[in-house]
Protein backbone atom coordinates (compact mmCIF):
# COMPACT_ATOMS: atom_id res chain seq x y z
CA MET A 1 7.35 -36.32 0.64
CA SER A 2 9.72 -34.34 2.77
CA MET A 3 11.06 -36.97 5.17
CA GLU A 4 14.71 -36.77 6.03
CA GLN A 5 16.93 -39.61 7.19
CA SER A 6 19.33 -38.88 9.99
CA MET A 7 23.00 -39.42 9.34
CA SER A 8 25.58 -40.34 11.94
CA ARG A 9 29.30 -39.84 11.96
CA LYS A 10 31.39 -42.38 10.11
CA GLY A 11 31.93 -45.45 12.26
CA ASN A 12 29.13 -44.60 14.70
CA CYS A 13 26.32 -46.76 13.38
CA TRP A 14 24.53 -47.68 16.62
CA ASP A 15 23.29 -44.25 17.64
CA ASN A 16 20.51 -44.10 15.08
CA SER A 17 19.96 -47.73 14.12
CA PRO A 18 16.23 -47.76 15.06
CA THR A 19 15.60 -44.79 12.78
CA GLU A 20 17.64 -46.30 9.96
CA ARG A 21 15.75 -49.58 10.32
CA PHE A 22 12.43 -47.74 10.13
CA PHE A 23 13.34 -45.88 6.92
CA ARG A 24 14.74 -49.05 5.34
CA SER A 25 11.57 -50.97 6.12
CA LEU A 26 9.38 -48.13 4.93
CA LYS A 27 11.19 -47.80 1.61
CA HIS A 28 11.76 -51.47 0.80
CA GLU A 29 8.71 -53.16 2.27
CA GLN A 30 5.95 -50.59 1.85
CA LEU A 31 6.49 -47.68 -0.50
CA ASN A 32 8.16 -49.59 -3.34
CA TYR A 33 5.21 -51.93 -3.82
CA GLU A 34 2.35 -49.45 -3.87
CA LYS A 35 1.33 -46.79 -6.34
CA PHE A 36 -0.15 -43.75 -4.65
CA ARG A 37 -2.52 -41.36 -6.37
CA THR A 38 -1.71 -38.47 -4.06
CA GLU A 39 1.06 -37.37 -1.73
CA GLU A 40 -1.48 -37.41 1.11
CA ALA A 41 -2.10 -41.14 0.54
CA ALA A 42 1.64 -41.88 0.70
CA ARG A 43 1.99 -39.69 3.77
CA GLY A 44 -0.87 -41.56 5.46
CA VAL A 45 0.85 -44.91 4.89
CA ALA A 46 4.15 -43.52 6.18
CA ILE A 47 2.50 -42.17 9.33
CA PHE A 48 0.70 -45.46 9.89
CA CYS A 49 3.97 -47.42 9.51
CA GLU A 50 5.71 -45.02 11.87
CA SER A 51 3.04 -45.50 14.52
CA LEU A 52 3.36 -49.30 14.21
CA PHE A 53 7.14 -49.10 14.46
CA TRP A 54 7.21 -46.94 17.58
CA ALA A 55 4.42 -48.94 19.23
CA SER A 56 6.59 -52.05 18.89
CA GLN A 57 9.62 -50.43 20.55
CA PRO A 58 10.19 -51.04 24.27
CA LYS A 59 9.26 -48.07 26.38
CA GLN A 60 12.11 -46.34 28.20
CA ALA A 61 11.70 -45.72 31.91
CA ALA A 62 11.48 -42.06 32.81
CA LYS A 63 14.52 -40.81 34.68
CA THR A 64 13.67 -38.79 37.75
């Protein structure tokens, strides 16, 4: 898979905490416990987990 985690500056941990939490959950709770036959199967699970994660996040009001 070609996913890339974002990295923040040292000491600035809050700017990307939702993304870091997503990747941690994906690696430790999902991908480590399943054996995938193909990369497409793993990618499908990752996309599904991503959609669940972002659906659970509060929606930001649009600034006009």
